[in-house]
Amino acid sequence: MTSTVPNAIEHADEQEPPITMFGPDFPYAYDDFLAHPAGLGQIPATAHGTEVAVIGGGLSGVVAAYELMKMGLKPVVYEADRIGGRLRTVGFDGCDPSLTAEMGAMRFPPSSTALQHYIDLVGLETRAFPNPLAEATPSTVVDLKGESHYAETLDDLPQVYRDVAEAWAKCLEEGADFSDMNRALRERDVPRIREIWAKLVEKLDNQTFYGFLCDSEAFKSFRHREIFGQVGFGTGGWDTDFPNSILEILRVVYTEADDHHRGIVGGSQQLPLRLWEREPEKIVHWPHGTSLKSLHLDGEPRPAVTRLNRTAGNRITVTDADGDIRTYQAAIFTAQSWMLLSKIACDDSLFPIDHWTAIERTHYMESSKLFVPVDRPFWLDKDEDTGRDVMSMTLTDRMTRGTYLLDDGPDRPAVICLSYTWCDDSLKWLPLSANERMEVMLKSLGEIYPKVDIRKHVIGNPVTVSWENEPYFMGAFKANLPGHYRYQRRLFTHFMQERLPEDKRGIFLAGDDISWTAGWAEGAVQTALNAVWGVMHHLGGETDATNPGPGDLFEEIAPVELPED
């Protein structure tokens, strides 16, 4: 058992094909596209060396730039802060450099198959992440309403938790054809995926996550809904998602995005940093030994973009924080979409009005974390009276909500994520400094573990983040509200520009919040690949006939289109 509330079905056949986060909205096999020996496509020789602006140096921007470079284009990456975006790994002042904290993405499901392609490409290792009740987690404590329960498996918790797990399984099966969709995704049965999903999108687009639970006979008990919200499934409580569209949640559970998580050894930010420096073996136009780093002056990206506008010939003109103005035939925008509304001065003519509306309506989740370094994984010590771990991965309704224990061996310094919260729970921390946050968290955890003096093990200052307060993000990740499906479809399909007026082409949206699976690095990779296809097509290129790209197959697998009237 790997989650507090498990998937609705257990797959007994170990030989079943692995699932991938390629659907259900757009069931394109990005992993197959990346693995094909023909590559992602080619551009005319006359376009070799053409500069393409890539705005945002997060994972999506770096992946897009890397693949454009391999095609023989010259990506010019603009980054306001640091390479990595929400793959942000930081250290602790004065501590061993091997001690790190993941301020953004920290756990990745095996179903992130396109992401895994790049993890393997740059030679990174992964290891199991200690989620609630995961096999890699020695023990979990669930603390609700002042009552704590210690568990190593779901069966160790009181019966009510198993009842909640069963209610969630029934709710998914009866309300969302879970088994059928999960199987179709696993078998990559595109017609069946589209058939199931088309009905559900029409039926559920206006429904909240909480409303979906309330409509199920299995969740008629408020107590069960309350426990489910506080404890949840996979990564912990999901009540902060209750106001969001149920379609967002179904995308996660269908593709098992919340199960069997792995972390990147040494930190997730290594992925975009290594891609930035990587010298691909197969590259067009550029000499061997070329990297994104070598294509940029002093090996650094251009600074923040301050203005975007269209100029004659449907060119995209970019002004940066140094006052430098450059004009491009094509550009990819991968930064948080709200940047287009606030930090960057934009011409209205950049996008059709319906796309501006979709950008403005994008709904972001808040998120906060706080980490402290400790001398050793003391939580593995045994309580003399009970024989249990003295401290455990903790889910609670107290301020901390989720506490994660991260170690690299019994004799090495370790890290505690004292609190990981979202939405209203995150906003509660916003006015507090890192030390003030830590004091509140230690008090809450002290009430759960009165015998444990966490403070005496702390060996450095805490590090914290509130993504809603980060000036180049203004939120952690997109999460659609009911009725937002049409907006998301406009943003995701923006790379298909032949249907747009000529004066609205040439700039391509990409990034996590453009994807159907925001909050997961896989979405950043997939939309980067869509944008790469779009730029290639825009510049007169094409894919190999044996390896059609996402745009080539678009009409066969396009997302469901709901009526506007």
Protein backbone atom coordinates (compact mmCIF):
# COMPACT_ATOMS: atom_id res chain seq x y z
CA MET A 1 0.00 0.00 0.00
CA THR A 2 1.52 3.31 -1.05
CA SER A 3 -1.18 5.80 -0.24
CA THR A 4 -3.39 6.76 2.65
CA VAL A 5 -6.42 6.20 0.46
CA PRO A 6 -5.47 3.84 -2.37
CA ASN A 7 -6.42 3.73 -5.99
CA ALA A 8 -9.80 2.21 -6.66
CA ILE A 9 -8.29 -0.90 -8.23
CA GLU A 10 -5.18 -2.91 -7.54
CA HIS A 11 -3.44 -4.34 -10.58
CA ALA A 12 -2.74 -7.98 -9.85
CA ASP A 13 -1.04 -8.58 -13.18
CA GLU A 14 2.51 -7.32 -12.75
CA GLN A 15 3.03 -7.56 -16.51
CA GLU A 16 0.46 -4.89 -17.30
CA PRO A 17 1.92 -2.02 -19.34
CA PRO A 18 2.97 0.96 -17.21
CA ILE A 19 0.71 3.96 -17.16
CA THR A 20 1.80 7.38 -18.37
CA MET A 21 0.57 10.93 -17.72
CA PHE A 22 -0.27 11.42 -21.39
CA GLY A 23 -4.01 11.68 -20.98
CA PRO A 24 -6.93 11.73 -20.81
CA ASP A 25 -7.34 15.13 -22.48
CA PHE A 26 -4.61 14.69 -25.08
CA PRO A 27 -3.51 11.04 -25.25
CA TYR A 28 -0.31 11.59 -27.19
CA ALA A 29 2.66 9.31 -26.45
CA TYR A 30 5.32 11.90 -25.64
CA ASP A 31 7.65 9.20 -24.30
CA ASP A 32 7.54 7.33 -27.62
CA PHE A 33 8.09 10.62 -29.49
CA LEU A 34 11.22 11.32 -27.44
CA ALA A 35 12.60 7.78 -27.72
CA HIS A 36 12.26 7.51 -31.52
CA PRO A 37 15.62 7.42 -33.37
CA ALA A 38 14.31 9.82 -36.04
CA GLY A 39 14.25 12.65 -33.50
CA LEU A 40 11.64 15.36 -33.00
CA GLY A 41 11.84 16.86 -36.48
CA GLN A 42 13.91 19.11 -38.68
CA ILE A 43 13.83 22.63 -40.09
CA PRO A 44 14.96 23.87 -43.51
CA ALA A 45 18.69 24.52 -43.77
CA THR A 46 17.90 28.14 -44.56
CA ALA A 47 16.49 28.50 -41.03
CA HIS A 48 19.57 27.07 -39.29
CA GLY A 49 20.96 29.49 -36.72
CA THR A 50 17.69 31.43 -36.48
CA GLU A 51 17.26 32.94 -33.04
CA VAL A 52 14.15 31.94 -31.06
CA ALA A 53 13.31 33.67 -27.79
CA VAL A 54 12.55 31.34 -24.90
CA ILE A 55 11.10 33.32 -22.01
CA GLY A 56 11.50 31.53 -18.70
CA GLY A 57 14.36 29.28 -17.65
CA GLY A 58 12.34 26.73 -15.71
CA LEU A 59 12.11 23.10 -16.78
CA SER A 60 9.74 23.83 -19.67
CA GLY A 61 11.92 26.62 -21.04
CA VAL A 62 15.16 24.66 -20.75
CA VAL A 63 13.65 21.54 -22.37
CA ALA A 64 12.24 23.64 -25.22
CA ALA A 65 15.55 25.46 -25.70
CA TYR A 66 17.54 22.22 -25.61
CA GLU A 67 15.39 20.59 -28.30
CA LEU A 68 15.37 23.72 -30.49
CA MET A 69 19.16 23.83 -30.27
CA LYS A 70 19.39 20.21 -31.41
CA MET A 71 17.34 21.14 -34.51
CA GLY A 72 19.87 23.83 -35.45
CA LEU A 73 18.07 26.87 -34.06
CA LYS A 74 19.60 29.35 -31.63
CA PRO A 75 17.46 29.63 -28.51
CA VAL A 76 17.91 32.84 -26.54
CA VAL A 77 16.75 32.11 -23.01
CA TYR A 78 15.47 34.92 -20.76
CA GLU A 79 15.30 34.25 -17.02
CA ALA A 80 14.35 36.74 -14.31
CA ASP A 81 15.66 34.77 -11.36
CA ARG A 82 17.53 31.48 -11.71
CA ILE A 83 17.61 28.44 -13.97
CA GLY A 84 15.11 25.90 -12.68
CA GLY A 85 11.86 27.75 -12.00
CA ARG A 86 9.91 25.69 -9.50
CA LEU A 87 12.58 23.02 -9.59
CA ARG A 88 14.36 24.95 -6.85
CA THR A 89 16.85 23.20 -4.60
CA VAL A 90 18.52 25.21 -1.84
CA GLY A 91 21.09 24.50 0.85
CA PHE A 92 21.41 25.58 4.47
CA ASP A 93 23.97 28.23 5.42
CA GLY A 94 26.89 26.74 7.31
CA CYS A 95 25.75 23.15 6.84
CA ASP A 96 27.07 20.24 4.79
CA PRO A 97 26.40 21.07 1.09
CA SER A 98 24.79 17.65 0.67
CA LEU A 99 21.91 18.82 2.88
CA THR A 100 19.30 20.32 0.57
CA ALA A 101 15.66 21.36 0.60
CA GLU A 102 13.25 21.15 -2.32
CA MET A 103 11.34 24.42 -2.24
CA GLY A 104 9.25 23.46 -5.25
CA ALA A 105 8.84 20.09 -6.95
CA MET A 106 10.17 17.31 -4.74
CA ARG A 107 8.37 14.09 -5.77
CA PHE A 108 7.71 12.62 -9.17
CA PRO A 109 5.49 9.66 -10.16
CA PRO A 110 6.73 6.90 -12.49
CA SER A 111 3.90 7.87 -14.82
CA SER A 112 5.89 11.04 -15.65
CA THR A 113 7.50 9.21 -18.54
CA ALA A 114 8.56 12.24 -20.62
CA LEU A 115 10.15 13.76 -17.54
CA GLN A 116 11.92 10.48 -16.87
CA HIS A 117 13.43 10.63 -20.36
CA TYR A 118 15.33 13.77 -19.37
CA ILE A 119 16.20 12.49 -15.89
CA ASP A 120 17.83 9.48 -17.54
CA LEU A 121 19.40 11.61 -20.28
CA VAL A 122 21.41 13.69 -17.81
CA GLY A 123 22.27 10.73 -15.59
CA LEU A 124 20.35 11.59 -12.44
CA GLU A 125 19.32 9.01 -9.86
CA THR A 126 15.98 8.78 -8.08
CA ARG A 127 14.86 7.12 -4.88
CA ALA A 128 11.54 6.43 -3.25
CA PHE A 129 9.96 9.47 -1.58
CA PRO A 130 8.58 9.04 1.97
CA ASN A 131 4.92 9.88 1.43
CA PRO A 132 2.26 8.86 3.98
CA LEU A 133 2.24 5.07 4.40
CA ALA A 134 4.54 4.57 1.43
CA GLU A 135 6.87 1.60 1.48
CA ALA A 136 9.82 3.97 1.88
CA THR A 137 8.20 5.56 4.95
CA PRO A 138 9.06 3.75 8.23
CA SER A 139 5.90 5.00 9.94
CA THR A 140 3.11 7.55 9.66
CA VAL A 141 1.16 9.35 12.36
CA VAL A 142 -2.31 10.69 11.62
CA ASP A 143 -3.29 13.32 14.19
CA LEU A 144 -6.82 14.67 13.95
CA LYS A 145 -8.81 16.57 16.57
CA GLY A 146 -6.11 15.94 19.16
CA GLU A 147 -6.11 12.16 18.69
CA SER A 148 -3.05 10.47 17.17
CA HIS A 149 -2.78 7.11 15.42
CA TYR A 150 0.52 5.41 14.60
CA ALA A 151 0.65 3.27 11.47
CA GLU A 152 3.09 1.46 9.22
CA THR A 153 0.32 0.35 6.85
CA LEU A 154 -3.27 1.43 6.28
CA ASP A 155 -4.44 -1.62 8.24
CA ASP A 156 -2.84 -0.20 11.38
CA LEU A 157 -5.24 2.75 11.38
CA PRO A 158 -8.74 2.57 12.92
CA GLN A 159 -11.54 1.10 10.83
CA VAL A 160 -12.93 4.51 9.90
CA TYR A 161 -9.85 5.22 7.78
CA ARG A 162 -10.33 2.01 5.85
CA ASP A 163 -13.98 2.96 5.43
CA VAL A 164 -12.88 6.28 3.96
CA ALA A 165 -10.48 4.50 1.62
CA GLU A 166 -13.29 2.25 0.44
CA ALA A 167 -15.64 5.21 0.03
CA TRP A 168 -13.12 6.97 -2.24
CA ALA A 169 -12.68 3.84 -4.33
CA LYS A 170 -16.46 3.48 -4.73
CA CYS A 171 -16.88 7.18 -5.47
CA LEU A 172 -14.34 7.02 -8.29
CA GLU A 173 -15.74 3.85 -9.74
CA GLU A 174 -19.37 4.91 -9.70
CA GLY A 175 -18.89 8.56 -10.61
CA ALA A 176 -15.93 8.49 -12.99
CA ASP A 177 -15.54 5.02 -14.57
CA PHE A 178 -12.19 4.72 -12.82
CA SER A 179 -11.24 1.14 -13.66
CA ASP A 180 -12.25 1.51 -17.30
CA MET A 181 -10.31 4.75 -17.80
CA ASN A 182 -7.25 3.57 -15.89
CA ARG A 183 -7.13 0.43 -18.01
CA ALA A 184 -7.59 2.38 -21.27
CA LEU A 185 -4.76 4.73 -20.32
CA ARG A 186 -2.53 1.82 -19.39
CA GLU A 187 -3.21 0.13 -22.73
CA ARG A 188 -3.03 3.45 -24.62
CA ASP A 189 -6.44 2.75 -26.09
CA VAL A 190 -7.04 6.23 -27.52
CA PRO A 191 -10.59 5.69 -28.87
CA ARG A 192 -11.74 4.32 -25.51
CA ILE A 193 -10.01 7.11 -23.58
CA ARG A 194 -11.70 9.73 -25.71
CA GLU A 195 -15.09 8.04 -25.45
CA ILE A 196 -15.02 7.92 -21.64
CA TRP A 197 -13.53 11.36 -21.16
CA ALA A 198 -15.85 13.19 -23.57
CA LYS A 199 -18.86 12.13 -21.49
CA LEU A 200 -17.18 13.02 -18.20
CA VAL A 201 -16.01 16.45 -19.33
CA GLU A 202 -19.51 17.37 -20.41
CA LYS A 203 -20.99 15.95 -17.21
CA LEU A 204 -18.45 17.21 -14.65
CA ASP A 205 -16.92 20.45 -15.95
CA ASN A 206 -19.13 22.49 -13.61
CA GLN A 207 -18.60 20.26 -10.58
CA THR A 208 -16.26 20.90 -7.65
CA PHE A 209 -14.19 18.18 -6.04
CA TYR A 210 -16.30 18.50 -2.89
CA GLY A 211 -19.56 18.42 -4.83
CA PHE A 212 -18.41 15.23 -6.53
CA LEU A 213 -17.87 13.62 -3.12
CA CYS A 214 -21.23 14.85 -1.83
CA ASP A 215 -23.03 13.39 -4.85
CA SER A 216 -21.71 9.94 -4.00
CA GLU A 217 -23.71 7.69 -1.72
CA ALA A 218 -20.37 6.33 -0.49
CA PHE A 219 -19.55 9.76 1.01
CA LYS A 220 -22.92 10.59 2.52
CA SER A 221 -21.19 10.82 5.92
CA PHE A 222 -19.79 14.27 6.66
CA ARG A 223 -17.30 12.65 9.01
CA HIS A 224 -15.94 10.57 6.14
CA ARG A 225 -15.64 13.63 3.90
CA GLU A 226 -13.88 15.53 6.66
CA ILE A 227 -11.36 12.76 7.31
CA PHE A 228 -10.79 12.34 3.57
CA GLY A 229 -10.10 16.05 3.22
CA GLN A 230 -7.61 16.05 6.07
CA VAL A 231 -5.86 12.77 5.28
CA GLY A 232 -6.64 12.25 1.60
CA PHE A 233 -4.76 9.88 -0.63
CA GLY A 234 -1.19 9.56 -1.88
CA THR A 235 0.49 12.72 -0.65
CA GLY A 236 -1.89 13.59 2.17
CA GLY A 237 -4.90 15.82 2.77
CA TRP A 238 -6.74 17.26 -0.20
CA ASP A 239 -9.35 19.51 1.37
CA THR A 240 -7.55 22.56 -0.01
CA ASP A 241 -8.50 21.21 -3.44
CA PHE A 242 -12.18 20.83 -2.58
CA PRO A 243 -13.24 24.06 -4.41
CA ASN A 244 -11.38 23.06 -7.58
CA SER A 245 -12.80 21.24 -10.58
CA ILE A 246 -13.17 17.50 -10.09
CA LEU A 247 -11.68 17.09 -13.58
CA GLU A 248 -8.34 18.24 -12.14
CA ILE A 249 -8.47 15.50 -9.51
CA LEU A 250 -9.51 12.81 -11.97
CA ARG A 251 -6.49 13.58 -14.16
CA VAL A 252 -4.28 12.89 -11.16
CA VAL A 253 -5.85 9.63 -10.03
CA TYR A 254 -6.44 8.19 -13.50
CA THR A 255 -2.76 8.50 -14.34
CA GLU A 256 -1.57 7.43 -10.87
CA ALA A 257 0.24 10.73 -10.56
CA ASP A 258 -0.18 10.57 -6.79
CA ASP A 259 1.38 7.14 -6.29
CA HIS A 260 4.84 5.58 -5.99
CA HIS A 261 6.66 8.91 -5.92
CA ARG A 262 10.40 9.24 -6.28
CA GLY A 263 12.72 12.10 -5.44
CA ILE A 264 15.81 13.13 -7.37
CA VAL A 265 18.99 12.37 -5.47
CA GLY A 266 20.87 15.63 -4.87
CA GLY A 267 17.91 17.82 -5.77
CA SER A 268 15.53 18.36 -8.67
CA GLN A 269 17.15 21.61 -9.84
CA GLN A 270 20.04 19.53 -11.16
CA LEU A 271 17.82 18.49 -14.07
CA PRO A 272 17.46 21.89 -15.78
CA LEU A 273 21.02 22.85 -14.77
CA ARG A 274 22.48 19.73 -16.38
CA LEU A 275 20.36 20.22 -19.51
CA TRP A 276 21.66 23.80 -19.68
CA GLU A 277 25.23 22.50 -19.79
CA ARG A 278 24.66 19.30 -21.78
CA GLU A 279 26.39 18.86 -25.12
CA PRO A 280 24.08 16.62 -27.17
CA GLU A 281 25.63 13.89 -29.30
CA LYS A 282 23.16 14.40 -32.14
CA ILE A 283 22.92 18.04 -33.13
CA VAL A 284 22.27 19.86 -36.42
CA HIS A 285 24.14 22.95 -37.64
CA TRP A 286 26.08 23.56 -34.43
CA PRO A 287 29.50 21.97 -33.85
CA HIS A 288 29.85 19.10 -31.41
CA GLY A 289 30.44 20.46 -27.94
CA THR A 290 27.70 23.07 -28.27
CA SER A 291 25.42 23.54 -25.25
CA LEU A 292 22.78 26.05 -24.23
CA LYS A 293 25.38 27.52 -21.91
CA SER A 294 27.90 27.97 -24.70
CA LEU A 295 25.31 29.72 -26.90
CA HIS A 296 24.78 32.42 -24.25
CA LEU A 297 27.19 35.22 -23.38
CA ASP A 298 29.18 34.31 -20.25
CA GLY A 299 27.08 31.14 -20.05
CA GLU A 300 24.15 33.01 -18.52
CA PRO A 301 20.60 33.57 -19.79
CA ARG A 302 19.40 37.03 -20.73
CA PRO A 303 17.74 38.96 -17.84
CA ALA A 304 14.05 39.40 -17.12
CA VAL A 305 11.72 40.33 -19.95
CA THR A 306 10.02 43.69 -19.35
CA ARG A 307 8.10 44.14 -22.62
CA LEU A 308 6.67 41.97 -25.38
CA ASN A 309 5.20 43.44 -28.55
CA ARG A 310 4.56 42.64 -32.19
CA THR A 311 6.44 44.46 -34.91
CA ALA A 312 6.32 44.50 -38.71
CA GLY A 313 6.25 41.14 -40.41
CA ASN A 314 4.55 39.47 -37.44
CA ARG A 315 7.82 39.44 -35.53
CA ILE A 316 7.97 39.22 -31.72
CA THR A 317 10.04 41.97 -30.13
CA VAL A 318 11.46 41.41 -26.66
CA THR A 319 12.78 44.08 -24.32
CA ASP A 320 14.74 42.92 -21.29
CA ALA A 321 15.70 44.44 -17.94
CA ASP A 322 19.02 45.67 -19.36
CA GLY A 323 17.12 47.68 -21.95
CA ASP A 324 18.25 45.38 -24.78
CA ILE A 325 15.68 45.04 -27.59
CA ARG A 326 15.71 42.02 -29.89
CA THR A 327 13.24 40.87 -32.51
CA TYR A 328 12.49 37.24 -33.32
CA GLN A 329 10.55 35.24 -35.88
CA ALA A 330 9.31 33.02 -33.07
CA ALA A 331 9.18 32.99 -29.27
CA ILE A 332 8.11 30.56 -26.56
CA PHE A 333 6.66 31.91 -23.32
CA THR A 334 7.06 29.42 -20.45
CA ALA A 335 6.87 31.68 -17.38
CA GLN A 336 3.83 31.83 -15.10
CA SER A 337 1.04 33.21 -17.27
CA TRP A 338 0.06 35.96 -14.82
CA MET A 339 3.42 37.58 -15.61
CA LEU A 340 1.84 38.66 -18.89
CA LEU A 341 -0.73 40.63 -16.88
CA SER A 342 1.59 42.33 -14.44
CA LYS A 343 5.39 42.17 -14.70
CA ILE A 344 5.64 42.31 -18.49
CA ALA A 345 4.22 45.14 -20.59
CA CYS A 346 2.39 43.41 -23.45
CA ASP A 347 0.61 44.42 -26.60
CA ASP A 348 -2.96 43.16 -26.74
CA SER A 349 -2.13 41.93 -30.22
CA LEU A 350 0.13 39.17 -28.87
CA PHE A 351 -2.81 36.79 -28.40
CA PRO A 352 -6.44 36.53 -29.46
CA ILE A 353 -8.83 38.06 -26.95
CA ASP A 354 -10.18 34.64 -25.93
CA HIS A 355 -6.66 33.60 -24.95
CA TRP A 356 -6.18 36.75 -22.90
CA THR A 357 -9.40 35.89 -21.09
CA ALA A 358 -8.12 32.38 -20.39
CA ILE A 359 -4.82 33.76 -19.05
CA GLU A 360 -6.65 36.20 -16.80
CA ARG A 361 -8.94 33.45 -15.47
CA THR A 362 -6.11 31.06 -14.64
CA HIS A 363 -6.49 30.02 -11.01
CA TYR A 364 -3.32 29.47 -8.99
CA MET A 365 -2.91 27.56 -5.74
CA GLU A 366 -0.84 29.02 -2.92
CA SER A 367 1.81 26.84 -1.30
CA SER A 368 4.30 27.13 1.56
CA LYS A 369 7.13 24.96 2.87
CA LEU A 370 9.63 25.21 5.68
CA PHE A 371 12.67 22.98 6.15
CA VAL A 372 15.22 22.63 8.95
CA PRO A 373 18.51 20.71 8.97
CA VAL A 374 19.04 18.27 11.83
CA ASP A 375 22.05 16.35 13.13
CA ARG A 376 20.73 12.87 12.29
CA PRO A 377 17.47 11.00 11.55
CA PHE A 378 16.58 10.81 15.24
CA TRP A 379 13.00 9.90 14.35
CA LEU A 380 14.17 6.32 13.82
CA ASP A 381 15.02 6.03 17.53
CA LYS A 382 12.62 3.73 19.34
CA ASP A 383 10.35 4.79 22.17
CA GLU A 384 11.30 2.72 25.20
CA ASP A 385 7.68 2.25 26.27
CA THR A 386 6.03 1.47 22.93
CA GLY A 387 8.87 0.24 20.71
CA ARG A 388 7.63 2.61 17.99
CA ASP A 389 9.55 5.28 16.08
CA VAL A 390 9.77 8.36 18.28
CA MET A 391 8.55 10.52 15.39
CA SER A 392 6.88 9.76 12.07
CA MET A 393 5.79 11.27 8.81
CA THR A 394 2.85 13.29 10.11
CA LEU A 395 -0.55 14.27 8.75
CA THR A 396 -2.52 16.56 11.02
CA ASP A 397 -5.27 19.16 11.15
CA ARG A 398 -2.92 21.41 13.12
CA MET A 399 -1.10 24.29 11.41
CA THR A 400 1.71 22.11 10.08
CA ARG A 401 -0.63 19.82 8.09
CA GLY A 402 2.12 17.67 6.50
CA THR A 403 5.56 16.94 7.99
CA TYR A 404 8.10 14.92 5.98
CA LEU A 405 11.28 13.27 7.30
CA LEU A 406 14.13 13.09 4.80
CA ASP A 407 17.38 11.26 5.51
CA ASP A 408 20.42 10.00 3.66
CA GLY A 409 21.43 7.24 6.05
CA PRO A 410 21.45 6.69 9.82
CA ASP A 411 24.80 8.41 10.53
CA ARG A 412 24.38 11.48 8.35
CA PRO A 413 22.74 14.87 8.88
CA ALA A 414 19.12 14.94 7.73
CA VAL A 415 16.31 17.35 6.86
CA ILE A 416 12.78 17.80 8.13
CA CYS A 417 10.11 19.49 6.08
CA LEU A 418 8.29 20.78 9.15
CA SER A 419 5.30 21.91 7.14
CA TYR A 420 3.99 21.70 3.59
CA THR A 421 0.67 23.46 3.05
CA TRP A 422 -1.58 24.83 0.31
CA CYS A 423 -4.18 27.57 -0.20
CA ASP A 424 -5.73 28.93 3.00
CA ASP A 425 -3.29 26.89 5.09
CA SER A 426 -0.43 28.49 3.18
CA LEU A 427 -1.84 32.00 3.59
CA LYS A 428 -1.78 31.54 7.38
CA TRP A 429 2.02 31.47 7.20
CA LEU A 430 2.44 34.40 4.83
CA PRO A 431 2.95 37.22 7.37
CA LEU A 432 5.45 35.21 9.45
CA SER A 433 9.23 35.10 9.08
CA ALA A 434 11.03 31.78 8.71
CA ASN A 435 11.90 31.70 12.43
CA GLU A 436 8.37 32.66 13.46
CA ARG A 437 7.00 29.91 11.27
CA MET A 438 9.40 27.40 12.79
CA GLU A 439 8.34 28.31 16.33
CA VAL A 440 4.65 27.72 15.56
CA MET A 441 5.49 24.44 13.83
CA LEU A 442 7.64 23.16 16.68
CA LYS A 443 4.84 23.98 19.11
CA SER A 444 2.30 22.02 17.04
CA LEU A 445 4.60 19.03 16.63
CA GLY A 446 5.48 19.17 20.33
CA GLU A 447 1.80 18.59 21.12
CA ILE A 448 1.83 15.47 18.93
CA TYR A 449 5.23 14.23 20.15
CA PRO A 450 5.55 15.48 23.76
CA LYS A 451 8.57 13.23 24.43
CA VAL A 452 10.61 14.52 21.48
CA ASP A 453 12.80 17.62 21.64
CA ILE A 454 13.09 18.43 17.94
CA ARG A 455 14.81 21.73 18.64
CA LYS A 456 17.90 20.14 20.19
CA HIS A 457 18.61 18.33 16.89
CA VAL A 458 18.37 21.45 14.70
CA ILE A 459 21.82 22.43 13.35
CA GLY A 460 21.03 25.40 11.11
CA ASN A 461 18.55 28.12 10.26
CA PRO A 462 15.26 27.21 8.59
CA VAL A 463 14.59 27.90 4.92
CA THR A 464 11.10 28.69 3.70
CA VAL A 465 9.07 29.67 0.67
CA SER A 466 5.58 30.99 0.02
CA TRP A 467 5.12 30.73 -3.72
CA GLU A 468 2.27 33.24 -3.77
CA ASN A 469 4.77 35.81 -2.49
CA GLU A 470 7.45 35.02 -5.08
CA PRO A 471 7.48 38.00 -7.49
CA TYR A 472 8.05 35.93 -10.65
CA PHE A 473 5.47 33.26 -9.77
CA MET A 474 2.64 34.74 -7.67
CA GLY A 475 1.40 31.22 -6.95
CA ALA A 476 2.53 27.62 -6.83
CA PHE A 477 0.66 26.00 -9.68
CA LYS A 478 -2.51 26.21 -11.72
CA ALA A 479 -5.66 24.42 -10.56
CA ASN A 480 -8.78 24.91 -12.64
CA LEU A 481 -12.02 25.93 -11.00
CA PRO A 482 -15.36 24.53 -12.22
CA GLY A 483 -16.17 25.86 -15.67
CA HIS A 484 -12.52 26.47 -16.60
CA TYR A 485 -12.13 23.56 -19.00
CA ARG A 486 -12.70 25.77 -22.06
CA TYR A 487 -10.04 28.23 -20.86
CA GLN A 488 -7.53 25.46 -20.34
CA ARG A 489 -8.21 24.00 -23.74
CA ARG A 490 -7.48 27.36 -25.39
CA LEU A 491 -4.14 27.63 -23.60
CA PHE A 492 -3.04 24.03 -24.14
CA THR A 493 -3.92 24.03 -27.85
CA HIS A 494 -2.27 27.40 -28.53
CA PHE A 495 0.65 25.63 -30.23
CA MET A 496 -1.72 24.73 -33.10
CA GLN A 497 -1.56 28.12 -34.80
CA GLU A 498 -2.74 27.49 -38.35
CA ARG A 499 -6.26 28.17 -37.12
CA LEU A 500 -5.19 31.56 -35.72
CA PRO A 501 -5.08 34.77 -37.77
CA GLU A 502 -1.60 35.38 -39.20
CA ASP A 503 -1.11 38.41 -36.98
CA LYS A 504 -1.61 36.26 -33.86
CA ARG A 505 1.03 33.63 -34.68
CA GLY A 506 4.66 33.20 -33.76
CA ILE A 507 4.55 33.27 -29.95
CA PHE A 508 3.84 29.92 -28.28
CA LEU A 509 2.61 29.30 -24.74
CA ALA A 510 4.17 26.48 -22.74
CA GLY A 511 4.87 25.56 -19.13
CA ASP A 512 3.28 23.75 -16.26
CA ASP A 513 0.22 25.99 -16.02
CA ILE A 514 -0.58 25.56 -19.72
CA SER A 515 -0.72 21.78 -19.28
CA TRP A 516 -3.66 19.65 -18.26
CA THR A 517 -1.66 18.29 -15.32
CA ALA A 518 -0.39 21.43 -13.62
CA GLY A 519 1.55 20.89 -10.43
CA TRP A 520 3.51 18.08 -12.07
CA ALA A 521 6.79 18.54 -13.92
CA GLU A 522 5.53 16.20 -16.62
CA GLY A 523 3.13 18.91 -17.78
CA ALA A 524 6.02 21.35 -18.16
CA VAL A 525 7.86 18.86 -20.38
CA GLN A 526 4.85 17.96 -22.52
CA THR A 527 3.92 21.56 -23.27
CA ALA A 528 7.56 22.36 -24.05
CA LEU A 529 7.48 19.60 -26.68
CA ASN A 530 4.22 20.99 -28.08
CA ALA A 531 5.84 24.41 -28.41
CA VAL A 532 8.95 22.93 -30.06
CA TRP A 533 6.68 21.31 -32.64
CA GLY A 534 4.89 24.64 -33.08
CA VAL A 535 8.10 26.60 -33.66
CA MET A 536 9.41 23.94 -36.05
CA HIS A 537 6.16 24.06 -38.04
CA HIS A 538 6.11 27.88 -37.97
CA LEU A 539 9.60 27.99 -39.49
CA GLY A 540 8.72 25.54 -42.26
CA GLY A 541 10.00 22.36 -40.65
CA GLU A 542 8.42 18.96 -40.28
CA THR A 543 8.67 15.72 -38.36
CA ASP A 544 9.84 12.41 -39.80
CA ALA A 545 6.95 10.39 -41.23
CA THR A 546 7.82 7.54 -38.86
CA ASN A 547 7.60 9.76 -35.76
CA PRO A 548 4.65 12.15 -36.02
CA GLY A 549 4.60 14.94 -33.48
CA PRO A 550 1.75 16.20 -31.28
CA GLY A 551 0.63 18.66 -33.93
CA ASP A 552 0.66 16.05 -36.71
CA LEU A 553 -1.80 13.88 -34.79
CA PHE A 554 -3.79 16.72 -33.30
CA GLU A 555 -7.04 16.14 -35.17
CA GLU A 556 -7.12 12.51 -34.03
CA ILE A 557 -6.52 13.21 -30.35
CA ALA A 558 -7.55 16.84 -29.83
CA PRO A 559 -9.07 17.66 -26.44
CA VAL A 560 -12.83 17.57 -26.18
CA GLU A 561 -14.34 20.84 -27.36
CA LEU A 562 -17.30 22.04 -25.32
CA PRO A 563 -19.84 24.43 -26.88
CA GLU A 564 -19.44 28.11 -26.07
CA ASP A 565 -23.15 28.98 -26.38
